[in-house]
Amino acid sequence: MILQRLAQLVRDDGGLLAAALRQEVDAPTPYGDAIASAPRAAGHIADLPLVIEAVREGYLLHYGEPRLMSREDDDLALLAGDRLYALGLERLADAGDLAAVAALADLIALSAQAQAASDARLADAVWAAGCAELGWGSTPDLEQAKDAARAGETDAAERLGSAARHIAGDLALAR
């Protein structure tokens, strides 16, 4: 359901991205599903499950196998990924939730850093931590773990995962 709503937003925008949508969209949305039960999601006008899945789709367009669009055209995939990152950030900014904007910006930046280092374990931990922060809020441990990731510390993935579990339990570990 979340991906169908996201696909409709892309269709409503029209243009090349709308034309690149797959006909059938039926894939799991573990991050959106996890955030749907989070305390910050209740009544949030930005629709946090949609926000996290838009950013996840942008990430997959850049680094993986997207669910909504094809990666046949690398330039279009990069453009679409950037647009979906922007869609998530824009919804949070319009809602006035600057803490969530900062959390999402950190998730985007740290996941790009993990990809640049070819560190899948760190990328997974960044997503768990970002999901936890967006849905449940931050903690000093999480902020320190993000600093460790920025600094390239070898234990950053463990620290991010531990902080995510402390904040959101196993819900943050969706894949």
N, C-alpha and C. Protein backbone atom coordinates (compact mmCIF):
# COMPACT_ATOMS: atom_id res chain seq x y z
N MET A 1 0.82 -1.20 0.00
CA MET A 1 0.00 0.00 0.00
C MET A 1 0.86 1.26 0.00
N ILE A 2 1.95 1.28 0.78
CA ILE A 2 2.81 2.45 0.84
C ILE A 2 3.43 2.71 -0.54
N LEU A 3 3.92 1.66 -1.19
CA LEU A 3 4.53 1.84 -2.50
C LEU A 3 3.52 2.29 -3.54
N GLN A 4 2.29 1.84 -3.43
CA GLN A 4 1.27 2.28 -4.37
C GLN A 4 1.01 3.78 -4.20
N ARG A 5 0.98 4.25 -2.95
CA ARG A 5 0.79 5.68 -2.71
C ARG A 5 1.98 6.48 -3.24
N LEU A 6 3.18 5.95 -3.04
CA LEU A 6 4.37 6.62 -3.55
C LEU A 6 4.36 6.66 -5.08
N ALA A 7 3.99 5.55 -5.69
CA ALA A 7 3.89 5.52 -7.16
C ALA A 7 2.87 6.54 -7.65
N GLN A 8 1.78 6.70 -6.93
CA GLN A 8 0.77 7.68 -7.34
C GLN A 8 1.31 9.10 -7.26
N LEU A 9 2.11 9.39 -6.23
CA LEU A 9 2.72 10.72 -6.14
C LEU A 9 3.64 10.98 -7.33
N VAL A 10 4.40 9.97 -7.73
CA VAL A 10 5.29 10.10 -8.89
C VAL A 10 4.46 10.29 -10.15
N ARG A 11 3.37 9.52 -10.29
CA ARG A 11 2.48 9.67 -11.45
C ARG A 11 1.90 11.08 -11.51
N ASP A 12 1.49 11.58 -10.35
CA ASP A 12 0.89 12.91 -10.29
C ASP A 12 1.87 14.00 -10.72
N ASP A 13 3.17 13.78 -10.46
CA ASP A 13 4.20 14.73 -10.90
C ASP A 13 4.38 14.68 -12.41
N GLY A 14 4.10 13.52 -13.01
CA GLY A 14 4.21 13.36 -14.46
C GLY A 14 5.66 13.30 -14.92
N GLY A 15 5.85 13.45 -16.21
CA GLY A 15 7.18 13.51 -16.79
C GLY A 15 7.86 12.16 -16.94
N LEU A 16 9.19 12.22 -17.10
CA LEU A 16 9.98 11.01 -17.34
C LEU A 16 9.90 10.01 -16.19
N LEU A 17 9.88 10.51 -14.97
CA LEU A 17 9.84 9.59 -13.84
C LEU A 17 8.53 8.82 -13.81
N ALA A 18 7.43 9.50 -14.08
CA ALA A 18 6.14 8.82 -14.11
C ALA A 18 6.11 7.77 -15.22
N ALA A 19 6.72 8.09 -16.35
CA ALA A 19 6.75 7.14 -17.47
C ALA A 19 7.62 5.93 -17.16
N ALA A 20 8.57 6.07 -16.24
CA ALA A 20 9.49 4.97 -15.91
C ALA A 20 8.95 4.04 -14.83
N LEU A 21 7.78 4.35 -14.27
CA LEU A 21 7.21 3.48 -13.23
C LEU A 21 6.86 2.11 -13.79
N ARG A 22 7.09 1.10 -12.98
CA ARG A 22 6.66 -0.25 -13.35
C ARG A 22 5.13 -0.31 -13.28
N GLN A 23 4.58 -1.20 -14.06
CA GLN A 23 3.13 -1.35 -14.08
C GLN A 23 2.61 -1.92 -12.76
N GLU A 24 3.24 -2.98 -12.30
CA GLU A 24 2.83 -3.64 -11.06
C GLU A 24 3.82 -3.31 -9.95
N VAL A 25 3.30 -2.85 -8.84
CA VAL A 25 4.14 -2.52 -7.70
C VAL A 25 3.62 -3.29 -6.50
N ASP A 26 4.33 -4.35 -6.16
CA ASP A 26 3.94 -5.14 -5.00
C ASP A 26 5.22 -5.70 -4.37
N ALA A 27 5.76 -4.97 -3.43
CA ALA A 27 6.99 -5.37 -2.77
C ALA A 27 6.87 -5.03 -1.29
N PRO A 28 7.63 -5.70 -0.47
CA PRO A 28 7.59 -5.41 0.96
C PRO A 28 8.08 -3.99 1.26
N THR A 29 7.57 -3.43 2.32
CA THR A 29 7.97 -2.10 2.78
C THR A 29 8.34 -2.18 4.27
N PRO A 30 9.42 -2.87 4.59
CA PRO A 30 9.72 -3.13 6.00
C PRO A 30 10.00 -1.88 6.82
N TYR A 31 10.65 -0.88 6.24
CA TYR A 31 10.95 0.33 7.01
C TYR A 31 9.67 1.12 7.26
N GLY A 32 8.85 1.26 6.24
CA GLY A 32 7.57 1.95 6.42
C GLY A 32 6.67 1.23 7.40
N ASP A 33 6.65 -0.11 7.31
CA ASP A 33 5.83 -0.89 8.24
C ASP A 33 6.32 -0.73 9.67
N ALA A 34 7.64 -0.70 9.86
CA ALA A 34 8.19 -0.53 11.20
C ALA A 34 7.84 0.85 11.76
N ILE A 35 8.01 1.88 10.95
CA ILE A 35 7.75 3.23 11.42
C ILE A 35 6.26 3.46 11.66
N ALA A 36 5.40 2.75 10.96
CA ALA A 36 3.96 2.93 11.15
C ALA A 36 3.54 2.72 12.59
N SER A 37 4.26 1.87 13.31
CA SER A 37 3.90 1.61 14.71
C SER A 37 4.69 2.48 15.69
N ALA A 38 5.50 3.39 15.18
CA ALA A 38 6.34 4.23 16.03
C ALA A 38 5.54 5.38 16.64
N PRO A 39 5.94 5.83 17.82
CA PRO A 39 5.21 6.91 18.47
C PRO A 39 5.21 8.22 17.68
N ARG A 40 6.28 8.53 16.98
CA ARG A 40 6.33 9.79 16.23
C ARG A 40 5.44 9.74 14.99
N ALA A 41 5.06 8.56 14.54
CA ALA A 41 4.26 8.44 13.32
C ALA A 41 2.79 8.75 13.55
N ALA A 42 2.33 8.53 14.76
CA ALA A 42 0.91 8.73 15.06
C ALA A 42 0.50 10.18 14.78
N GLY A 43 -0.30 10.36 13.77
CA GLY A 43 -0.82 11.68 13.45
C GLY A 43 0.17 12.63 12.79
N HIS A 44 1.34 12.14 12.42
CA HIS A 44 2.34 13.01 11.78
C HIS A 44 1.85 13.39 10.39
N ILE A 45 1.78 14.67 10.10
CA ILE A 45 1.19 15.11 8.83
C ILE A 45 2.06 14.78 7.61
N ALA A 46 3.33 14.47 7.83
CA ALA A 46 4.20 14.14 6.69
C ALA A 46 4.05 12.70 6.25
N ASP A 47 3.36 11.86 7.01
CA ASP A 47 3.20 10.44 6.69
C ASP A 47 4.56 9.75 6.70
N LEU A 48 5.09 9.51 7.90
CA LEU A 48 6.44 8.97 8.06
C LEU A 48 6.69 7.65 7.33
N PRO A 49 5.73 6.71 7.30
CA PRO A 49 5.99 5.49 6.52
C PRO A 49 6.24 5.79 5.04
N LEU A 50 5.47 6.72 4.48
CA LEU A 50 5.67 7.10 3.08
C LEU A 50 7.03 7.79 2.91
N VAL A 51 7.39 8.65 3.83
CA VAL A 51 8.67 9.37 3.77
C VAL A 51 9.84 8.39 3.75
N ILE A 52 9.86 7.44 4.69
CA ILE A 52 11.00 6.52 4.77
C ILE A 52 11.06 5.62 3.54
N GLU A 53 9.93 5.20 3.02
CA GLU A 53 9.93 4.35 1.84
C GLU A 53 10.28 5.13 0.57
N ALA A 54 9.95 6.41 0.52
CA ALA A 54 10.39 7.24 -0.61
C ALA A 54 11.90 7.34 -0.61
N VAL A 55 12.47 7.59 0.55
CA VAL A 55 13.92 7.69 0.65
C VAL A 55 14.57 6.33 0.40
N ARG A 56 13.96 5.27 0.88
CA ARG A 56 14.49 3.92 0.61
C ARG A 56 14.50 3.64 -0.89
N GLU A 57 13.43 4.00 -1.57
CA GLU A 57 13.38 3.78 -3.02
C GLU A 57 14.45 4.62 -3.72
N GLY A 58 14.66 5.85 -3.25
CA GLY A 58 15.74 6.67 -3.80
C GLY A 58 17.09 6.01 -3.61
N TYR A 59 17.31 5.47 -2.43
CA TYR A 59 18.55 4.76 -2.13
C TYR A 59 18.72 3.54 -3.04
N LEU A 60 17.65 2.78 -3.23
CA LEU A 60 17.71 1.60 -4.09
C LEU A 60 17.95 1.98 -5.56
N LEU A 61 17.42 3.11 -5.97
CA LEU A 61 17.69 3.58 -7.33
C LEU A 61 19.17 3.94 -7.50
N HIS A 62 19.79 4.43 -6.45
CA HIS A 62 21.21 4.77 -6.51
C HIS A 62 22.10 3.55 -6.36
N TYR A 63 21.72 2.62 -5.47
CA TYR A 63 22.67 1.58 -5.05
C TYR A 63 22.17 0.14 -5.15
N GLY A 64 20.93 -0.08 -5.51
CA GLY A 64 20.42 -1.45 -5.44
C GLY A 64 19.41 -1.76 -6.50
N GLU A 65 18.43 -2.53 -6.11
CA GLU A 65 17.35 -2.94 -7.00
C GLU A 65 16.07 -2.23 -6.59
N PRO A 66 15.68 -1.19 -7.33
CA PRO A 66 14.47 -0.45 -6.97
C PRO A 66 13.21 -1.28 -7.16
N ARG A 67 12.18 -0.87 -6.46
CA ARG A 67 10.91 -1.58 -6.50
C ARG A 67 9.91 -0.92 -7.45
N LEU A 68 10.01 0.40 -7.62
CA LEU A 68 9.03 1.14 -8.41
C LEU A 68 9.44 1.38 -9.85
N MET A 69 10.73 1.49 -10.07
CA MET A 69 11.23 1.89 -11.38
C MET A 69 12.35 0.97 -11.83
N SER A 70 12.59 0.99 -13.10
CA SER A 70 13.69 0.23 -13.68
C SER A 70 14.99 1.02 -13.53
N ARG A 71 16.10 0.30 -13.54
CA ARG A 71 17.42 0.94 -13.57
C ARG A 71 18.04 0.82 -14.96
N GLU A 72 17.22 0.59 -15.97
CA GLU A 72 17.74 0.43 -17.33
C GLU A 72 18.52 1.66 -17.80
N ASP A 73 18.06 2.83 -17.44
CA ASP A 73 18.72 4.08 -17.79
C ASP A 73 19.37 4.63 -16.52
N ASP A 74 20.70 4.51 -16.42
CA ASP A 74 21.40 4.92 -15.21
C ASP A 74 21.21 6.40 -14.87
N ASP A 75 21.19 7.25 -15.88
CA ASP A 75 21.00 8.68 -15.63
C ASP A 75 19.61 8.95 -15.06
N LEU A 76 18.61 8.31 -15.62
CA LEU A 76 17.25 8.49 -15.14
C LEU A 76 17.11 7.91 -13.73
N ALA A 77 17.76 6.77 -13.46
CA ALA A 77 17.71 6.18 -12.12
C ALA A 77 18.32 7.12 -11.09
N LEU A 78 19.42 7.76 -11.44
CA LEU A 78 20.06 8.71 -10.52
C LEU A 78 19.14 9.90 -10.28
N LEU A 79 18.55 10.42 -11.34
CA LEU A 79 17.61 11.54 -11.22
C LEU A 79 16.40 11.14 -10.37
N ALA A 80 15.85 9.98 -10.63
CA ALA A 80 14.69 9.51 -9.87
C ALA A 80 15.05 9.31 -8.41
N GLY A 81 16.23 8.76 -8.14
CA GLY A 81 16.65 8.59 -6.75
C GLY A 81 16.76 9.92 -6.03
N ASP A 82 17.36 10.90 -6.69
CA ASP A 82 17.47 12.24 -6.08
C ASP A 82 16.09 12.84 -5.84
N ARG A 83 15.18 12.65 -6.79
CA ARG A 83 13.82 13.19 -6.64
C ARG A 83 13.10 12.55 -5.45
N LEU A 84 13.30 11.25 -5.26
CA LEU A 84 12.63 10.59 -4.14
C LEU A 84 13.26 10.98 -2.80
N TYR A 85 14.57 11.19 -2.77
CA TYR A 85 15.19 11.75 -1.55
C TYR A 85 14.55 13.10 -1.24
N ALA A 86 14.43 13.93 -2.27
CA ALA A 86 13.88 15.27 -2.09
C ALA A 86 12.42 15.21 -1.64
N LEU A 87 11.67 14.26 -2.19
CA LEU A 87 10.26 14.13 -1.80
C LEU A 87 10.14 13.89 -0.30
N GLY A 88 10.95 12.97 0.23
CA GLY A 88 10.90 12.70 1.67
C GLY A 88 11.29 13.91 2.50
N LEU A 89 12.38 14.55 2.13
CA LEU A 89 12.84 15.73 2.87
C LEU A 89 11.82 16.87 2.78
N GLU A 90 11.25 17.05 1.60
CA GLU A 90 10.27 18.11 1.39
C GLU A 90 9.03 17.92 2.28
N ARG A 91 8.54 16.70 2.36
CA ARG A 91 7.35 16.44 3.19
C ARG A 91 7.64 16.76 4.66
N LEU A 92 8.83 16.40 5.13
CA LEU A 92 9.18 16.69 6.52
C LEU A 92 9.37 18.18 6.75
N ALA A 93 10.00 18.85 5.80
CA ALA A 93 10.19 20.29 5.92
C ALA A 93 8.86 21.02 5.91
N ASP A 94 7.95 20.62 5.01
CA ASP A 94 6.62 21.22 4.97
C ASP A 94 5.86 21.02 6.28
N ALA A 95 6.13 19.91 6.95
CA ALA A 95 5.49 19.63 8.24
C ALA A 95 6.15 20.41 9.38
N GLY A 96 7.30 21.04 9.09
CA GLY A 96 8.01 21.79 10.12
C GLY A 96 8.78 20.91 11.09
N ASP A 97 9.02 19.66 10.72
CA ASP A 97 9.70 18.72 11.61
C ASP A 97 11.20 18.73 11.29
N LEU A 98 11.89 19.73 11.82
CA LEU A 98 13.30 19.90 11.50
C LEU A 98 14.16 18.79 12.09
N ALA A 99 13.76 18.23 13.21
CA ALA A 99 14.52 17.09 13.78
C ALA A 99 14.45 15.90 12.83
N ALA A 100 13.30 15.66 12.24
CA ALA A 100 13.15 14.56 11.29
C ALA A 100 13.91 14.85 9.99
N VAL A 101 13.94 16.11 9.55
CA VAL A 101 14.72 16.48 8.38
C VAL A 101 16.19 16.16 8.63
N ALA A 102 16.69 16.54 9.80
CA ALA A 102 18.09 16.26 10.15
C ALA A 102 18.36 14.77 10.21
N ALA A 103 17.44 14.00 10.79
CA ALA A 103 17.61 12.55 10.87
C ALA A 103 17.65 11.93 9.48
N LEU A 104 16.76 12.37 8.60
CA LEU A 104 16.71 11.83 7.25
C LEU A 104 17.95 12.25 6.45
N ALA A 105 18.41 13.48 6.64
CA ALA A 105 19.63 13.92 5.96
C ALA A 105 20.82 13.09 6.42
N ASP A 106 20.89 12.79 7.71
CA ASP A 106 21.96 11.93 8.22
C ASP A 106 21.88 10.53 7.62
N LEU A 107 20.67 10.00 7.53
CA LEU A 107 20.49 8.67 6.95
C LEU A 107 20.99 8.65 5.51
N ILE A 108 20.62 9.65 4.72
CA ILE A 108 21.04 9.72 3.32
C ILE A 108 22.56 9.84 3.22
N ALA A 109 23.13 10.73 4.00
CA ALA A 109 24.58 10.96 3.93
C ALA A 109 25.37 9.75 4.42
N LEU A 110 24.97 9.19 5.55
CA LEU A 110 25.71 8.06 6.11
C LEU A 110 25.55 6.80 5.27
N SER A 111 24.39 6.62 4.65
CA SER A 111 24.24 5.44 3.79
C SER A 111 25.07 5.60 2.52
N ALA A 112 25.20 6.83 2.01
CA ALA A 112 26.07 7.07 0.86
C ALA A 112 27.53 6.82 1.24
N GLN A 113 27.90 7.25 2.44
CA GLN A 113 29.27 7.00 2.92
C GLN A 113 29.54 5.50 3.03
N ALA A 114 28.57 4.76 3.55
CA ALA A 114 28.73 3.30 3.68
C ALA A 114 28.86 2.66 2.30
N GLN A 115 28.07 3.11 1.34
CA GLN A 115 28.16 2.57 -0.02
C GLN A 115 29.51 2.90 -0.64
N ALA A 116 30.00 4.12 -0.42
CA ALA A 116 31.30 4.51 -0.97
C ALA A 116 32.42 3.63 -0.41
N ALA A 117 32.25 3.17 0.83
CA ALA A 117 33.23 2.31 1.48
C ALA A 117 32.96 0.83 1.20
N SER A 118 31.93 0.54 0.42
CA SER A 118 31.51 -0.85 0.15
C SER A 118 31.29 -1.63 1.43
N ASP A 119 30.64 -0.99 2.39
CA ASP A 119 30.41 -1.59 3.70
C ASP A 119 28.90 -1.84 3.89
N ALA A 120 28.44 -3.00 3.43
CA ALA A 120 27.03 -3.34 3.50
C ALA A 120 26.54 -3.43 4.94
N ARG A 121 27.39 -3.91 5.84
CA ARG A 121 26.99 -4.02 7.24
C ARG A 121 26.72 -2.63 7.83
N LEU A 122 27.58 -1.68 7.51
CA LEU A 122 27.38 -0.31 7.98
C LEU A 122 26.12 0.28 7.35
N ALA A 123 25.91 0.04 6.07
CA ALA A 123 24.71 0.55 5.40
C ALA A 123 23.44 0.02 6.08
N ASP A 124 23.41 -1.26 6.39
CA ASP A 124 22.25 -1.84 7.09
C ASP A 124 22.05 -1.19 8.45
N ALA A 125 23.14 -0.98 9.17
CA ALA A 125 23.06 -0.36 10.51
C ALA A 125 22.60 1.09 10.41
N VAL A 126 23.04 1.80 9.38
CA VAL A 126 22.60 3.18 9.17
C VAL A 126 21.10 3.22 8.94
N TRP A 127 20.59 2.28 8.14
CA TRP A 127 19.15 2.24 7.89
C TRP A 127 18.38 1.91 9.16
N ALA A 128 18.87 0.96 9.95
CA ALA A 128 18.20 0.63 11.21
C ALA A 128 18.18 1.84 12.13
N ALA A 129 19.31 2.52 12.23
CA ALA A 129 19.40 3.69 13.10
C ALA A 129 18.53 4.83 12.59
N GLY A 130 18.53 5.04 11.27
CA GLY A 130 17.71 6.11 10.72
C GLY A 130 16.24 5.86 10.91
N CYS A 131 15.83 4.62 10.75
CA CYS A 131 14.44 4.24 10.97
C CYS A 131 14.05 4.47 12.43
N ALA A 132 14.92 4.06 13.32
CA ALA A 132 14.65 4.24 14.76
C ALA A 132 14.55 5.72 15.10
N GLU A 133 15.49 6.51 14.60
CA GLU A 133 15.48 7.93 14.92
C GLU A 133 14.25 8.63 14.35
N LEU A 134 13.90 8.33 13.12
CA LEU A 134 12.75 8.97 12.51
C LEU A 134 11.46 8.61 13.25
N GLY A 135 11.33 7.36 13.65
CA GLY A 135 10.09 6.91 14.28
C GLY A 135 10.01 7.10 15.78
N TRP A 136 11.16 7.03 16.45
CA TRP A 136 11.15 7.05 17.91
C TRP A 136 11.90 8.23 18.50
N GLY A 137 12.78 8.85 17.73
CA GLY A 137 13.58 9.96 18.22
C GLY A 137 15.01 9.53 18.48
N SER A 138 15.85 10.51 18.76
CA SER A 138 17.26 10.24 18.93
C SER A 138 17.62 10.08 20.40
N THR A 139 18.84 9.62 20.63
CA THR A 139 19.41 9.51 21.97
C THR A 139 20.87 9.94 21.87
N PRO A 140 21.50 10.26 22.98
CA PRO A 140 22.94 10.58 22.93
C PRO A 140 23.77 9.43 22.35
N ASP A 141 23.41 8.18 22.69
CA ASP A 141 24.14 7.04 22.14
C ASP A 141 24.05 6.99 20.62
N LEU A 142 22.88 7.28 20.09
CA LEU A 142 22.70 7.27 18.64
C LEU A 142 23.53 8.39 18.00
N GLU A 143 23.50 9.56 18.58
CA GLU A 143 24.29 10.67 18.03
C GLU A 143 25.78 10.35 18.05
N GLN A 144 26.24 9.73 19.11
CA GLN A 144 27.66 9.32 19.19
C GLN A 144 27.97 8.24 18.16
N ALA A 145 27.05 7.33 17.95
CA ALA A 145 27.25 6.28 16.95
C ALA A 145 27.31 6.87 15.54
N LYS A 146 26.46 7.87 15.27
CA LYS A 146 26.51 8.53 13.96
C LYS A 146 27.84 9.26 13.79
N ASP A 147 28.31 9.90 14.84
CA ASP A 147 29.63 10.55 14.79
C ASP A 147 30.73 9.54 14.50
N ALA A 148 30.62 8.36 15.11
CA ALA A 148 31.61 7.29 14.88
C ALA A 148 31.57 6.85 13.42
N ALA A 149 30.38 6.76 12.86
CA ALA A 149 30.26 6.38 11.45
C ALA A 149 30.86 7.46 10.56
N ARG A 150 30.57 8.71 10.85
CA ARG A 150 31.15 9.80 10.06
C ARG A 150 32.67 9.77 10.09
N ALA A 151 33.22 9.41 11.24
CA ALA A 151 34.67 9.37 11.43
C ALA A 151 35.30 8.09 10.86
N GLY A 152 34.46 7.16 10.42
CA GLY A 152 34.99 5.91 9.85
C GLY A 152 35.49 4.93 10.89
N GLU A 153 35.01 5.03 12.11
CA GLU A 153 35.46 4.11 13.16
C GLU A 153 34.98 2.70 12.85
N THR A 154 35.80 1.73 13.16
CA THR A 154 35.52 0.35 12.79
C THR A 154 34.33 -0.25 13.52
N ASP A 155 33.99 0.27 14.68
CA ASP A 155 32.87 -0.28 15.43
C ASP A 155 31.56 0.49 15.21
N ALA A 156 31.53 1.36 14.21
CA ALA A 156 30.35 2.20 13.98
C ALA A 156 29.10 1.39 13.69
N ALA A 157 29.21 0.33 12.89
CA ALA A 157 28.02 -0.47 12.57
C ALA A 157 27.44 -1.09 13.84
N GLU A 158 28.28 -1.63 14.69
CA GLU A 158 27.79 -2.23 15.94
C GLU A 158 27.13 -1.17 16.83
N ARG A 159 27.76 -0.01 16.91
CA ARG A 159 27.22 1.05 17.75
C ARG A 159 25.88 1.56 17.22
N LEU A 160 25.77 1.71 15.91
CA LEU A 160 24.50 2.15 15.32
C LEU A 160 23.41 1.11 15.55
N GLY A 161 23.75 -0.16 15.32
CA GLY A 161 22.77 -1.23 15.53
C GLY A 161 22.31 -1.31 16.97
N SER A 162 23.26 -1.18 17.89
CA SER A 162 22.92 -1.23 19.30
C SER A 162 22.02 -0.06 19.69
N ALA A 163 22.33 1.14 19.20
CA ALA A 163 21.51 2.31 19.50
C ALA A 163 20.11 2.15 18.92
N ALA A 164 20.03 1.62 17.70
CA ALA A 164 18.72 1.41 17.06
C ALA A 164 17.88 0.43 17.87
N ARG A 165 18.50 -0.68 18.30
CA ARG A 165 17.76 -1.67 19.09
C ARG A 165 17.32 -1.08 20.43
N HIS A 166 18.15 -0.25 21.03
CA HIS A 166 17.81 0.38 22.30
C HIS A 166 16.60 1.30 22.14
N ILE A 167 16.55 2.00 21.00
CA ILE A 167 15.46 2.95 20.76
C ILE A 167 14.17 2.24 20.36
N ALA A 168 14.26 1.32 19.41
CA ALA A 168 13.05 0.78 18.78
C ALA A 168 12.93 -0.74 18.87
N GLY A 169 13.84 -1.40 19.54
CA GLY A 169 13.79 -2.85 19.59
C GLY A 169 14.06 -3.44 18.23
N ASP A 170 13.57 -4.61 17.98
CA ASP A 170 13.83 -5.29 16.71
C ASP A 170 13.10 -4.65 15.53
N LEU A 171 12.14 -3.76 15.80
CA LEU A 171 11.44 -3.11 14.71
C LEU A 171 12.39 -2.31 13.83
N ALA A 172 13.43 -1.76 14.43
CA ALA A 172 14.38 -0.94 13.68
C ALA A 172 15.25 -1.76 12.74
N LEU A 173 15.26 -3.06 12.91
CA LEU A 173 16.16 -3.90 12.12
C LEU A 173 15.51 -4.46 10.87
N ALA A 174 14.45 -3.83 10.42
CA ALA A 174 13.73 -4.27 9.21
C ALA A 174 14.68 -4.25 8.02
N ARG A 175 14.38 -5.11 7.04
CA ARG A 175 15.17 -5.10 5.80
C ARG A 175 14.26 -5.20 4.65
